[in-house]
Amino acid sequence: MSLDSFIGNRKIVDRIRAKLREARFPHALIFSGPEGVGKRTCAMMVAKALNCQNSAADDFCGTCASCRKIDAGTHPDVTKLGVEEEASEIKIAQVREILRTLDLRPLEGRNKIYIIDPADKMNPSAANALLKGLEEPPENSYFILITVNAQELLTTVRSRCQLYNFTPLTLAEIRDHGVTDDLIARWSQGSIGRARSLDVVRLKREREMVLDFAEVALTAKEEQFQELLGVSAEVGRAKQEFEERMQILGIVVADLLYLKEGTPEKIVNVDIVEDLKTLGARVSVERLVAVADFLRFIESSLKNYVNRQMLTDMLALTANENASAMLGNEG
């Protein structure tokens, strides 16, 4: 095991190795990007490279006592800071606790590494307290902040860190991780974490419900509006599954647009292509684009408290050409 084994985002790995090799490694880094693309794995690899007892400066062996302890989570010089159980944010007391150790010498290794994950969960007080450590860190201390979106961090925190933007993996890279099922590889959306945790049976069950909704919403005639509102109610009443269903619908709509554009190689739902072709033949590109736009509106709305059923009803009406025409005429 070494940095060569890291799959995906090779430019980031090469950049990190160059800085390690040249002994000019930054004392504060931000690893930003979607879930499941390797940010945490890379952070642990960096921690091992900075403390490995055997390898050259730009790598780690994975077998020495230091590497094994880091893998086991027992190395005294590698500290992980996250949201405590039953809490919703990283608090100032947690940050102060690690800052108290900042000026101390490493207990076993050459360097001390502090991994804050997810860094965007620091409350303002905690983030401001961290600034003291980021401004003048000791020579042998390093911070790695992990987040899905660096813009969620304070500007003052970002300005003191080097930013590394991780991107989704390609299909080939997902397969290099050992994912052999084509549907899983495509549904992973470039996240190896998602690929490994995906429940295909559950996904297909939820997708079937979403497809029923999409077919009725996109093709219902005026006399079928009662049925339209019925399938809308079935989708909208979900609490835990609602966001997931909207994401599934978004991918289905994208697949329909890929078929319209003549780019079937981009399709995610490769196991139901014929069903998608049948549905796509009954729907215009303009209607699909309108649905995609409204799904983006739903995604942004879910950050706040919203009436899910009202959003789903509005989505159904947006998806249906006849309903939209009627509403337009009423306006």
C-alpha atoms as a PDB file:
ATOM      1  CA  MET A   1       0.000   0.000   0.000  1.00  0.00           C
ATOM      2  CA  SER A   2       1.308   3.434  -0.970  1.00  0.00           C
ATOM      3  CA  LEU A   3       0.153   6.717  -2.511  1.00  0.00           C
ATOM      4  CA  ASP A   4       0.426   4.958  -5.884  1.00  0.00           C
ATOM      5  CA  SER A   5      -2.549   2.824  -4.824  1.00  0.00           C
ATOM      6  CA  PHE A   6      -4.866   5.835  -4.529  1.00  0.00           C
ATOM      7  CA  ILE A   7      -7.443   5.644  -7.325  1.00  0.00           C
ATOM      8  CA  GLY A   8      -8.736   8.830  -8.935  1.00  0.00           C
ATOM      9  CA  ASN A   9      -7.766  12.494  -8.569  1.00  0.00           C
ATOM     10  CA  ARG A  10      -4.194  11.739  -9.616  1.00  0.00           C
ATOM     11  CA  LYS A  11      -3.310  15.404 -10.093  1.00  0.00           C
ATOM     12  CA  ILE A  12      -4.006  16.002  -6.412  1.00  0.00           C
ATOM     13  CA  VAL A  13      -1.906  13.008  -5.358  1.00  0.00           C
ATOM     14  CA  ASP A  14       0.970  14.101  -7.617  1.00  0.00           C
ATOM     15  CA  ARG A  15       0.801  17.633  -6.202  1.00  0.00           C
ATOM     16  CA  ILE A  16       0.854  16.308  -2.632  1.00  0.00           C
ATOM     17  CA  ARG A  17       3.790  14.009  -3.352  1.00  0.00           C
ATOM     18  CA  ALA A  18       5.773  16.847  -4.926  1.00  0.00           C
ATOM     19  CA  LYS A  19       5.302  19.009  -1.843  1.00  0.00           C
ATOM     20  CA  LEU A  20       6.252  16.141   0.468  1.00  0.00           C
ATOM     21  CA  ARG A  21       9.335  15.391  -1.615  1.00  0.00           C
ATOM     22  CA  GLU A  22      10.450  19.017  -1.686  1.00  0.00           C
ATOM     23  CA  ALA A  23       9.924  19.429   2.089  1.00  0.00           C
ATOM     24  CA  ARG A  24       7.536  22.322   1.562  1.00  0.00           C
ATOM     25  CA  PHE A  25       4.328  20.666   2.659  1.00  0.00           C
ATOM     26  CA  PRO A  26       1.623  23.196   3.664  1.00  0.00           C
ATOM     27  CA  HIS A  27       0.666  23.268   7.338  1.00  0.00           C
ATOM     28  CA  ALA A  28      -3.032  23.634   6.589  1.00  0.00           C
ATOM     29  CA  LEU A  29      -4.991  21.984   3.790  1.00  0.00           C
ATOM     30  CA  ILE A  30      -8.627  21.773   2.766  1.00  0.00           C
ATOM     31  CA  PHE A  31      -9.803  18.605   1.044  1.00  0.00           C
ATOM     32  CA  SER A  32     -13.091  19.564  -0.597  1.00  0.00           C
ATOM     33  CA  GLY A  33     -15.413  17.511  -2.793  1.00  0.00           C
ATOM     34  CA  PRO A  34     -18.375  15.133  -2.924  1.00  0.00           C
ATOM     35  CA  GLU A  35     -18.799  12.318  -0.437  1.00  0.00           C
ATOM     36  CA  GLY A  36     -17.030   9.077  -1.220  1.00  0.00           C
ATOM     37  CA  VAL A  37     -14.336  10.303  -3.624  1.00  0.00           C
ATOM     38  CA  GLY A  38     -11.331   9.611  -1.374  1.00  0.00           C
ATOM     39  CA  LYS A  39     -10.850  12.745   0.747  1.00  0.00           C
ATOM     40  CA  ARG A  40     -10.608  10.855   4.054  1.00  0.00           C
ATOM     41  CA  THR A  41      -8.500   8.079   2.553  1.00  0.00           C
ATOM     42  CA  CYS A  42      -6.082  10.654   1.150  1.00  0.00           C
ATOM     43  CA  ALA A  43      -5.912  12.480   4.494  1.00  0.00           C
ATOM     44  CA  MET A  44      -4.927   9.247   6.241  1.00  0.00           C
ATOM     45  CA  MET A  45      -2.336   8.544   3.556  1.00  0.00           C
ATOM     46  CA  VAL A  46      -0.845  11.998   4.107  1.00  0.00           C
ATOM     47  CA  ALA A  47      -0.724  11.335   7.856  1.00  0.00           C
ATOM     48  CA  LYS A  48       1.152   8.103   7.192  1.00  0.00           C
ATOM     49  CA  ALA A  49       3.569   9.738   4.745  1.00  0.00           C
ATOM     50  CA  LEU A  50       4.392  12.435   7.311  1.00  0.00           C
ATOM     51  CA  ASN A  51       5.205   9.812   9.946  1.00  0.00           C
ATOM     52  CA  CYS A  52       6.275   6.659   8.081  1.00  0.00           C
ATOM     53  CA  GLN A  53       9.391   5.038   9.498  1.00  0.00           C
ATOM     54  CA  ASN A  54      10.521   3.325   6.300  1.00  0.00           C
ATOM     55  CA  SER A  55       9.566   5.074   3.056  1.00  0.00           C
ATOM     56  CA  ALA A  56      10.919   8.115   1.283  1.00  0.00           C
ATOM     57  CA  ALA A  57       9.478  11.510   2.190  1.00  0.00           C
ATOM     58  CA  ASP A  58       6.792  11.402  -0.506  1.00  0.00           C
ATOM     59  CA  ASP A  59       5.241   8.039   0.377  1.00  0.00           C
ATOM     60  CA  PHE A  60       4.478   5.521   3.128  1.00  0.00           C
ATOM     61  CA  CYS A  61       5.054   1.803   3.511  1.00  0.00           C
ATOM     62  CA  GLY A  62       1.813   0.789   5.222  1.00  0.00           C
ATOM     63  CA  THR A  63       3.602  -1.866   7.287  1.00  0.00           C
ATOM     64  CA  CYS A  64       5.750  -0.040   9.873  1.00  0.00           C
ATOM     65  CA  ALA A  65       4.491   0.492  13.426  1.00  0.00           C
ATOM     66  CA  SER A  66       3.557   4.092  12.685  1.00  0.00           C
ATOM     67  CA  CYS A  67       1.509   3.253   9.579  1.00  0.00           C
ATOM     68  CA  ARG A  68      -0.242   0.393  11.349  1.00  0.00           C
ATOM     69  CA  LYS A  69      -1.170   2.587  14.308  1.00  0.00           C
ATOM     70  CA  ILE A  70      -2.562   5.277  12.022  1.00  0.00           C
ATOM     71  CA  ASP A  71      -4.660   2.657  10.242  1.00  0.00           C
ATOM     72  CA  ALA A  72      -5.905   1.397  13.605  1.00  0.00           C
ATOM     73  CA  GLY A  73      -6.654   4.896  14.845  1.00  0.00           C
ATOM     74  CA  THR A  74      -4.281   4.556  17.801  1.00  0.00           C
ATOM     75  CA  HIS A  75      -1.370   6.795  16.788  1.00  0.00           C
ATOM     76  CA  PRO A  76      -1.002   9.489  19.496  1.00  0.00           C
ATOM     77  CA  ASP A  77       0.163  12.120  17.008  1.00  0.00           C
ATOM     78  CA  VAL A  78      -2.794  11.780  14.615  1.00  0.00           C
ATOM     79  CA  THR A  79      -5.930  13.403  15.982  1.00  0.00           C
ATOM     80  CA  LYS A  80      -9.375  13.282  14.389  1.00  0.00           C
ATOM     81  CA  LEU A  81     -11.902  15.930  15.308  1.00  0.00           C
ATOM     82  CA  GLY A  82     -15.551  15.528  14.363  1.00  0.00           C
ATOM     83  CA  VAL A  83     -19.113  16.018  15.556  1.00  0.00           C
ATOM     84  CA  GLU A  84     -19.590  14.355  18.924  1.00  0.00           C
ATOM     85  CA  GLU A  85     -22.377  11.867  19.526  1.00  0.00           C
ATOM     86  CA  GLU A  86     -25.802  13.506  19.898  1.00  0.00           C
ATOM     87  CA  ALA A  87     -24.366  16.863  18.772  1.00  0.00           C
ATOM     88  CA  SER A  88     -24.996  18.704  15.515  1.00  0.00           C
ATOM     89  CA  GLU A  89     -21.791  20.733  15.262  1.00  0.00           C
ATOM     90  CA  ILE A  90     -18.121  20.860  16.234  1.00  0.00           C
ATOM     91  CA  LYS A  91     -17.857  23.059  19.320  1.00  0.00           C
ATOM     92  CA  ILE A  92     -15.240  25.535  20.478  1.00  0.00           C
ATOM     93  CA  ALA A  93     -14.272  23.328  23.440  1.00  0.00           C
ATOM     94  CA  GLN A  94     -13.199  20.571  21.037  1.00  0.00           C
ATOM     95  CA  VAL A  95     -11.010  22.953  19.058  1.00  0.00           C
ATOM     96  CA  ARG A  96      -9.473  24.412  22.205  1.00  0.00           C
ATOM     97  CA  GLU A  97      -8.605  20.902  23.350  1.00  0.00           C
ATOM     98  CA  ILE A  98      -6.447  20.230  20.267  1.00  0.00           C
ATOM     99  CA  LEU A  99      -4.927  23.718  20.353  1.00  0.00           C
ATOM    100  CA  ARG A 100      -3.606  22.969  23.852  1.00  0.00           C
ATOM    101  CA  THR A 101      -1.469  20.204  22.338  1.00  0.00           C
ATOM    102  CA  LEU A 102      -0.229  22.265  19.403  1.00  0.00           C
ATOM    103  CA  ASP A 103       3.030  23.446  20.960  1.00  0.00           C
ATOM    104  CA  LEU A 104       3.881  20.060  22.457  1.00  0.00           C
ATOM    105  CA  ARG A 105       6.432  17.813  20.776  1.00  0.00           C
ATOM    106  CA  PRO A 106       5.111  14.723  18.936  1.00  0.00           C
ATOM    107  CA  LEU A 107       4.848  11.741  21.268  1.00  0.00           C
ATOM    108  CA  GLU A 108       5.998   9.067  18.805  1.00  0.00           C
ATOM    109  CA  GLY A 109       6.236  10.310  15.232  1.00  0.00           C
ATOM    110  CA  ARG A 110       7.961  13.151  13.446  1.00  0.00           C
ATOM    111  CA  ASN A 111       4.812  15.223  12.985  1.00  0.00           C
ATOM    112  CA  LYS A 112       1.400  15.868  14.495  1.00  0.00           C
ATOM    113  CA  ILE A 113      -1.613  15.775  12.187  1.00  0.00           C
ATOM    114  CA  TYR A 114      -5.065  17.122  13.031  1.00  0.00           C
ATOM    115  CA  ILE A 115      -7.883  15.950  10.763  1.00  0.00           C
ATOM    116  CA  ILE A 116     -11.123  17.944  11.132  1.00  0.00           C
ATOM    117  CA  ASP A 117     -14.043  16.174   9.485  1.00  0.00           C
ATOM    118  CA  PRO A 118     -16.496  17.543   8.552  1.00  0.00           C
ATOM    119  CA  ALA A 119     -14.853  20.944   8.909  1.00  0.00           C
ATOM    120  CA  ASP A 120     -17.981  22.765   7.729  1.00  0.00           C
ATOM    121  CA  LYS A 121     -19.701  21.577  10.920  1.00  0.00           C
ATOM    122  CA  MET A 122     -17.529  23.836  13.081  1.00  0.00           C
ATOM    123  CA  ASN A 123     -19.702  26.513  14.650  1.00  0.00           C
ATOM    124  CA  PRO A 124     -18.464  30.109  14.189  1.00  0.00           C
ATOM    125  CA  SER A 125     -16.803  30.173  17.608  1.00  0.00           C
ATOM    126  CA  ALA A 126     -14.948  26.935  16.918  1.00  0.00           C
ATOM    127  CA  ALA A 127     -13.844  28.109  13.468  1.00  0.00           C
ATOM    128  CA  ASN A 128     -12.571  31.421  14.855  1.00  0.00           C
ATOM    129  CA  ALA A 129     -10.696  29.593  17.601  1.00  0.00           C
ATOM    130  CA  LEU A 130      -9.050  27.379  14.987  1.00  0.00           C
ATOM    131  CA  LEU A 131      -7.632  30.474  13.282  1.00  0.00           C
ATOM    132  CA  LYS A 132      -5.099  30.807  16.088  1.00  0.00           C
ATOM    133  CA  GLY A 133      -3.683  27.409  15.183  1.00  0.00           C
ATOM    134  CA  LEU A 134      -3.740  28.077  11.451  1.00  0.00           C
ATOM    135  CA  GLU A 135      -1.993  31.453  11.635  1.00  0.00           C
ATOM    136  CA  GLU A 136       1.297  30.302  13.154  1.00  0.00           C
ATOM    137  CA  PRO A 137       1.363  26.501  13.403  1.00  0.00           C
ATOM    138  CA  PRO A 138       4.511  24.864  14.811  1.00  0.00           C
ATOM    139  CA  GLU A 139       6.849  23.431  12.215  1.00  0.00           C
ATOM    140  CA  ASN A 140       5.839  19.830  12.912  1.00  0.00           C
ATOM    141  CA  SER A 141       2.044  20.334  13.045  1.00  0.00           C
ATOM    142  CA  TYR A 142      -0.385  19.948  10.139  1.00  0.00           C
ATOM    143  CA  PHE A 143      -4.133  20.509   9.771  1.00  0.00           C
ATOM    144  CA  ILE A 144      -6.325  18.774   7.180  1.00  0.00           C
ATOM    145  CA  LEU A 145      -9.874  20.097   6.925  1.00  0.00           C
ATOM    146  CA  ILE A 146     -12.347  17.848   5.119  1.00  0.00           C
ATOM    147  CA  THR A 147     -15.576  19.208   3.658  1.00  0.00           C
ATOM    148  CA  VAL A 148     -18.022  18.631   0.817  1.00  0.00           C
ATOM    149  CA  ASN A 149     -17.958  22.346   0.030  1.00  0.00           C
ATOM    150  CA  ALA A 150     -15.071  24.655   0.917  1.00  0.00           C
ATOM    151  CA  GLN A 151     -17.376  27.653   0.508  1.00  0.00           C
ATOM    152  CA  GLU A 152     -19.128  26.566   3.706  1.00  0.00           C
ATOM    153  CA  LEU A 153     -15.967  27.438   5.660  1.00  0.00           C
ATOM    154  CA  LEU A 154     -15.169  30.910   6.953  1.00  0.00           C
ATOM    155  CA  THR A 155     -13.283  33.033   4.444  1.00  0.00           C
ATOM    156  CA  THR A 156     -10.599  33.618   7.059  1.00  0.00           C
ATOM    157  CA  VAL A 157     -10.139  29.858   7.458  1.00  0.00           C
ATOM    158  CA  ARG A 158      -9.970  29.265   3.687  1.00  0.00           C
ATOM    159  CA  SER A 159      -7.405  32.019   3.231  1.00  0.00           C
ATOM    160  CA  ARG A 160      -4.978  30.217   5.576  1.00  0.00           C
ATOM    161  CA  CYS A 161      -5.226  26.826   3.877  1.00  0.00           C
ATOM    162  CA  GLN A 162      -4.235  25.329   0.549  1.00  0.00           C
ATOM    163  CA  LEU A 163      -7.323  24.052  -1.248  1.00  0.00           C
ATOM    164  CA  TYR A 164      -7.486  20.655  -2.944  1.00  0.00           C
ATOM    165  CA  ASN A 165     -10.712  20.073  -4.886  1.00  0.00           C
ATOM    166  CA  PHE A 166     -11.533  16.386  -5.251  1.00  0.00           C
ATOM    167  CA  THR A 167     -13.782  15.438  -8.165  1.00  0.00           C
ATOM    168  CA  PRO A 168     -15.983  12.372  -8.829  1.00  0.00           C
ATOM    169  CA  LEU A 169     -14.212   9.297 -10.153  1.00  0.00           C
ATOM    170  CA  THR A 170     -14.652   8.155 -13.728  1.00  0.00           C
ATOM    171  CA  LEU A 171     -16.478   4.911 -14.514  1.00  0.00           C
ATOM    172  CA  ALA A 172     -13.128   3.279 -15.247  1.00  0.00           C
ATOM    173  CA  GLU A 173     -11.750   4.383 -11.867  1.00  0.00           C
ATOM    174  CA  ILE A 174     -14.840   3.068 -10.060  1.00  0.00           C
ATOM    175  CA  ARG A 175     -14.289  -0.264 -11.788  1.00  0.00           C
ATOM    176  CA  ASP A 176     -10.616  -0.174 -10.783  1.00  0.00           C
ATOM    177  CA  HIS A 177     -11.894  -0.249  -7.195  1.00  0.00           C
ATOM    178  CA  GLY A 178     -13.366  -3.679  -7.939  1.00  0.00           C
ATOM    179  CA  VAL A 179     -16.946  -2.637  -8.761  1.00  0.00           C
ATOM    180  CA  THR A 180     -18.046  -5.086 -11.474  1.00  0.00           C
ATOM    181  CA  ASP A 181     -21.795  -4.390 -11.612  1.00  0.00           C
ATOM    182  CA  ASP A 182     -22.347  -1.807 -14.373  1.00  0.00           C
ATOM    183  CA  LEU A 183     -25.553  -0.455 -12.794  1.00  0.00           C
ATOM    184  CA  ILE A 184     -23.811   0.099  -9.441  1.00  0.00           C
ATOM    185  CA  ALA A 185     -20.831   1.714 -11.147  1.00  0.00           C
ATOM    186  CA  ARG A 186     -23.086   4.161 -12.971  1.00  0.00           C
ATOM    187  CA  TRP A 187     -25.345   4.881 -10.002  1.00  0.00           C
ATOM    188  CA  SER A 188     -22.299   5.632  -7.860  1.00  0.00           C
ATOM    189  CA  GLN A 189     -22.073   8.982  -9.673  1.00  0.00           C
ATOM    190  CA  GLY A 190     -18.307   8.850  -9.276  1.00  0.00           C
ATOM    191  CA  SER A 191     -18.388   8.043  -5.539  1.00  0.00           C
ATOM    192  CA  ILE A 192     -16.699   4.803  -4.515  1.00  0.00           C
ATOM    193  CA  GLY A 193     -18.249   5.241  -1.084  1.00  0.00           C
ATOM    194  CA  ARG A 194     -21.724   5.261  -2.636  1.00  0.00           C
ATOM    195  CA  ALA A 195     -20.867   2.294  -4.855  1.00  0.00           C
ATOM    196  CA  ARG A 196     -19.855   0.211  -1.858  1.00  0.00           C
ATOM    197  CA  SER A 197     -22.924   1.077   0.190  1.00  0.00           C
ATOM    198  CA  LEU A 198     -25.556   0.971  -2.570  1.00  0.00           C
ATOM    199  CA  ASP A 199     -28.487  -1.356  -1.898  1.00  0.00           C
ATOM    200  CA  VAL A 200     -29.510  -2.312  -5.442  1.00  0.00           C
ATOM    201  CA  VAL A 201     -32.721  -4.065  -4.389  1.00  0.00           C
ATOM    202  CA  ARG A 202     -33.898  -1.004  -2.485  1.00  0.00           C
ATOM    203  CA  LEU A 203     -32.770   1.311  -5.278  1.00  0.00           C
ATOM    204  CA  LYS A 204     -34.824  -0.590  -7.859  1.00  0.00           C
ATOM    205  CA  ARG A 205     -37.874  -0.541  -5.566  1.00  0.00           C
ATOM    206  CA  GLU A 206     -37.641   3.223  -5.085  1.00  0.00           C
ATOM    207  CA  ARG A 207     -36.894   3.751  -8.767  1.00  0.00           C
ATOM    208  CA  GLU A 208     -40.013   1.812  -9.751  1.00  0.00           C
ATOM    209  CA  MET A 209     -42.150   4.155  -7.670  1.00  0.00           C
ATOM    210  CA  VAL A 210     -40.396   7.195  -9.140  1.00  0.00           C
ATOM    211  CA  LEU A 211     -40.850   5.856 -12.689  1.00  0.00           C
ATOM    212  CA  ASP A 212     -44.579   5.378 -12.065  1.00  0.00           C
ATOM    213  CA  PHE A 213     -44.764   8.981 -10.877  1.00  0.00           C
ATOM    214  CA  ALA A 214     -42.737  10.226 -13.856  1.00  0.00           C
ATOM    215  CA  GLU A 215     -44.845   8.361 -16.408  1.00  0.00           C
ATOM    216  CA  VAL A 216     -48.148   9.641 -15.026  1.00  0.00           C
ATOM    217  CA  ALA A 217     -46.846  13.162 -14.417  1.00  0.00           C
ATOM    218  CA  LEU A 218     -45.332  13.512 -17.876  1.00  0.00           C
ATOM    219  CA  THR A 219     -48.120  11.913 -19.920  1.00  0.00           C
ATOM    220  CA  ALA A 220     -51.459  12.261 -18.033  1.00  0.00           C
ATOM    221  CA  LYS A 221     -54.408  13.631 -19.972  1.00  0.00           C
ATOM    222  CA  GLU A 222     -56.828  16.116 -18.478  1.00  0.00           C
ATOM    223  CA  GLU A 223     -59.200  13.347 -17.390  1.00  0.00           C
ATOM    224  CA  GLN A 224     -56.319  11.652 -15.510  1.00  0.00           C
ATOM    225  CA  PHE A 225     -55.462  14.577 -13.237  1.00  0.00           C
ATOM    226  CA  GLN A 226     -56.960  12.790 -10.214  1.00  0.00           C
ATOM    227  CA  GLU A 227     -54.533   9.926 -10.826  1.00  0.00           C
ATOM    228  CA  LEU A 228     -51.746  12.490 -11.231  1.00  0.00           C
ATOM    229  CA  LEU A 229     -52.423  13.936  -7.785  1.00  0.00           C
ATOM    230  CA  GLY A 230     -52.650  10.412  -6.384  1.00  0.00           C
ATOM    231  CA  VAL A 231     -49.148   9.389  -7.461  1.00  0.00           C
ATOM    232  CA  SER A 232     -47.913  12.788  -6.304  1.00  0.00           C
ATOM    233  CA  ALA A 233     -49.302  12.096  -2.833  1.00  0.00           C
ATOM    234  CA  GLU A 234     -47.580   8.702  -2.749  1.00  0.00           C
ATOM    235  CA  VAL A 235     -44.182  10.234  -3.502  1.00  0.00           C
ATOM    236  CA  GLY A 236     -44.658  13.343  -1.370  1.00  0.00           C
ATOM    237  CA  ARG A 237     -45.753  11.630   1.840  1.00  0.00           C
ATOM    238  CA  ALA A 238     -42.303  10.093   2.326  1.00  0.00           C
ATOM    239  CA  LYS A 239     -40.139  11.742   4.971  1.00  0.00           C
ATOM    240  CA  GLN A 240     -36.803   9.976   4.998  1.00  0.00           C
ATOM    241  CA  GLU A 241     -37.028   8.867   1.355  1.00  0.00           C
ATOM    242  CA  PHE A 242     -38.235  12.123  -0.197  1.00  0.00           C
ATOM    243  CA  GLU A 243     -34.825  13.613  -0.989  1.00  0.00           C
ATOM    244  CA  GLU A 244     -33.578  10.286  -2.342  1.00  0.00           C
ATOM    245  CA  ARG A 245     -36.639   9.994  -4.595  1.00  0.00           C
ATOM    246  CA  MET A 246     -36.055  13.457  -5.985  1.00  0.00           C
ATOM    247  CA  GLN A 247     -32.442  12.505  -6.719  1.00  0.00           C
ATOM    248  CA  ILE A 248     -33.591   9.325  -8.487  1.00  0.00           C
ATOM    249  CA  LEU A 249     -36.074  11.321 -10.544  1.00  0.00           C
ATOM    250  CA  GLY A 250     -33.327  13.765 -11.474  1.00  0.00           C
ATOM    251  CA  ILE A 251     -31.181  10.924 -12.822  1.00  0.00           C
ATOM    252  CA  VAL A 252     -34.129   9.431 -14.711  1.00  0.00           C
ATOM    253  CA  VAL A 253     -34.854  12.816 -16.315  1.00  0.00           C
ATOM    254  CA  ALA A 254     -31.167  13.201 -17.214  1.00  0.00           C
ATOM    255  CA  ASP A 255     -31.250   9.748 -18.847  1.00  0.00           C
ATOM    256  CA  LEU A 256     -34.293  10.759 -20.899  1.00  0.00           C
ATOM    257  CA  LEU A 257     -32.456  13.873 -22.052  1.00  0.00           C
ATOM    258  CA  TYR A 258     -29.374  11.817 -22.976  1.00  0.00           C
ATOM    259  CA  LEU A 259     -31.594   9.660 -25.171  1.00  0.00           C
ATOM    260  CA  LYS A 260     -33.057  12.765 -26.795  1.00  0.00           C
ATOM    261  CA  GLU A 261     -29.542  14.131 -27.403  1.00  0.00           C
ATOM    262  CA  GLY A 262     -28.305  10.863 -28.900  1.00  0.00           C
ATOM    263  CA  THR A 263     -25.737  10.194 -26.161  1.00  0.00           C
ATOM    264  CA  PRO A 264     -26.937   6.850 -24.700  1.00  0.00           C
ATOM    265  CA  GLU A 265     -23.445   6.052 -23.392  1.00  0.00           C
ATOM    266  CA  LYS A 266     -24.076   8.553 -20.596  1.00  0.00           C
ATOM    267  CA  ILE A 267     -27.203   6.790 -19.328  1.00  0.00           C
ATOM    268  CA  VAL A 268     -27.146   5.608 -15.710  1.00  0.00           C
ATOM    269  CA  ASN A 269     -30.180   3.295 -15.776  1.00  0.00           C
ATOM    270  CA  VAL A 270     -28.723   0.903 -18.340  1.00  0.00           C
ATOM    271  CA  ASP A 271     -31.017  -1.938 -17.245  1.00  0.00           C
ATOM    272  CA  ILE A 272     -34.237  -0.135 -18.300  1.00  0.00           C
ATOM    273  CA  VAL A 273     -33.157   1.614 -21.493  1.00  0.00           C
ATOM    274  CA  GLU A 274     -36.106   0.289 -23.498  1.00  0.00           C
ATOM    275  CA  ASP A 275     -38.591   1.574 -20.905  1.00  0.00           C
ATOM    276  CA  LEU A 276     -36.881   4.965 -20.991  1.00  0.00           C
ATOM    277  CA  LYS A 277     -37.038   5.047 -24.785  1.00  0.00           C
ATOM    278  CA  THR A 278     -40.768   4.352 -24.673  1.00  0.00           C
ATOM    279  CA  LEU A 279     -41.392   7.103 -22.143  1.00  0.00           C
ATOM    280  CA  GLY A 280     -39.043   9.544 -23.849  1.00  0.00           C
ATOM    281  CA  ALA A 281     -40.881   9.202 -27.136  1.00  0.00           C
ATOM    282  CA  ARG A 282     -43.989  10.666 -25.468  1.00  0.00           C
ATOM    283  CA  VAL A 283     -42.329  13.705 -23.910  1.00  0.00           C
ATOM    284  CA  SER A 284     -40.754  16.860 -25.341  1.00  0.00           C
ATOM    285  CA  VAL A 285     -37.258  18.084 -24.518  1.00  0.00           C
ATOM    286  CA  GLU A 286     -38.765  21.360 -23.265  1.00  0.00           C
ATOM    287  CA  ARG A 287     -40.917  19.511 -20.724  1.00  0.00           C
ATOM    288  CA  LEU A 288     -37.960  17.481 -19.459  1.00  0.00           C
ATOM    289  CA  VAL A 289     -35.853  20.636 -19.095  1.00  0.00           C
ATOM    290  CA  ALA A 290     -38.686  22.263 -17.115  1.00  0.00           C
ATOM    291  CA  VAL A 291     -38.768  19.265 -14.763  1.00  0.00           C
ATOM    292  CA  ALA A 292     -34.984  19.324 -14.350  1.00  0.00           C
ATOM    293  CA  ASP A 293     -35.133  23.033 -13.491  1.00  0.00           C
ATOM    294  CA  PHE A 294     -37.865  22.454 -10.903  1.00  0.00           C
ATOM    295  CA  LEU A 295     -35.905  19.588  -9.349  1.00  0.00           C
ATOM    296  CA  ARG A 296     -32.988  21.993  -8.837  1.00  0.00           C
ATOM    297  CA  PHE A 297     -35.426  24.349  -7.116  1.00  0.00           C
ATOM    298  CA  ILE A 298     -36.560  21.503  -4.844  1.00  0.00           C
ATOM    299  CA  GLU A 299     -32.936  20.641  -4.028  1.00  0.00           C
ATOM    300  CA  SER A 300     -32.238  24.203  -2.888  1.00  0.00           C
ATOM    301  CA  SER A 301     -35.563  24.373  -1.001  1.00  0.00           C
ATOM    302  CA  LEU A 302     -34.803  21.239   1.035  1.00  0.00           C
ATOM    303  CA  LYS A 303     -32.131  23.148   2.945  1.00  0.00           C
ATOM    304  CA  ASN A 304     -35.015  24.830   4.774  1.00  0.00           C
ATOM    305  CA  TYR A 305     -38.301  23.578   6.168  1.00  0.00           C
ATOM    306  CA  VAL A 306     -40.657  22.983   3.253  1.00  0.00           C
ATOM    307  CA  ASN A 307     -44.014  21.389   2.557  1.00  0.00           C
ATOM    308  CA  ARG A 308     -42.910  18.282   0.643  1.00  0.00           C
ATOM    309  CA  GLN A 309     -46.391  17.491  -0.617  1.00  0.00           C
ATOM    310  CA  MET A 310     -46.879  20.966  -2.024  1.00  0.00           C
ATOM    311  CA  LEU A 311     -43.505  20.746  -3.790  1.00  0.00           C
ATOM    312  CA  THR A 312     -44.393  17.337  -5.241  1.00  0.00           C
ATOM    313  CA  ASP A 313     -47.776  18.565  -6.485  1.00  0.00           C
ATOM    314  CA  MET A 314     -46.091  21.558  -8.121  1.00  0.00           C
ATOM    315  CA  LEU A 315     -43.516  19.211  -9.680  1.00  0.00           C
ATOM    316  CA  ALA A 316     -46.287  16.998 -11.081  1.00  0.00           C
ATOM    317  CA  LEU A 317     -48.059  19.996 -12.582  1.00  0.00           C
ATOM    318  CA  THR A 318     -44.786  21.307 -14.031  1.00  0.00           C
ATOM    319  CA  ALA A 319     -44.082  17.902 -15.576  1.00  0.00           C
ATOM    320  CA  ASN A 320     -47.485  17.663 -17.222  1.00  0.00           C
ATOM    321  CA  GLU A 321     -47.882  19.618 -20.430  1.00  0.00           C
ATOM    322  CA  ASN A 322     -51.676  19.695 -20.228  1.00  0.00           C
ATOM    323  CA  ALA A 323     -51.702  20.938 -16.630  1.00  0.00           C
ATOM    324  CA  SER A 324     -49.073  23.571 -17.381  1.00  0.00           C
ATOM    325  CA  ALA A 325     -51.098  24.796 -20.357  1.00  0.00           C
ATOM    326  CA  MET A 326     -54.229  25.062 -18.217  1.00  0.00           C
ATOM    327  CA  LEU A 327     -52.373  26.969 -15.499  1.00  0.00           C
ATOM    328  CA  GLY A 328     -50.874  29.247 -18.129  1.00  0.00           C
ATOM    329  CA  ASN A 329     -54.292  29.996 -19.572  1.00  0.00           C
ATOM    330  CA  GLU A 330     -55.657  30.757 -16.109  1.00  0.00           C
ATOM    331  CA  GLY A 331     -52.763  33.208 -15.573  1.00  0.00           C
END
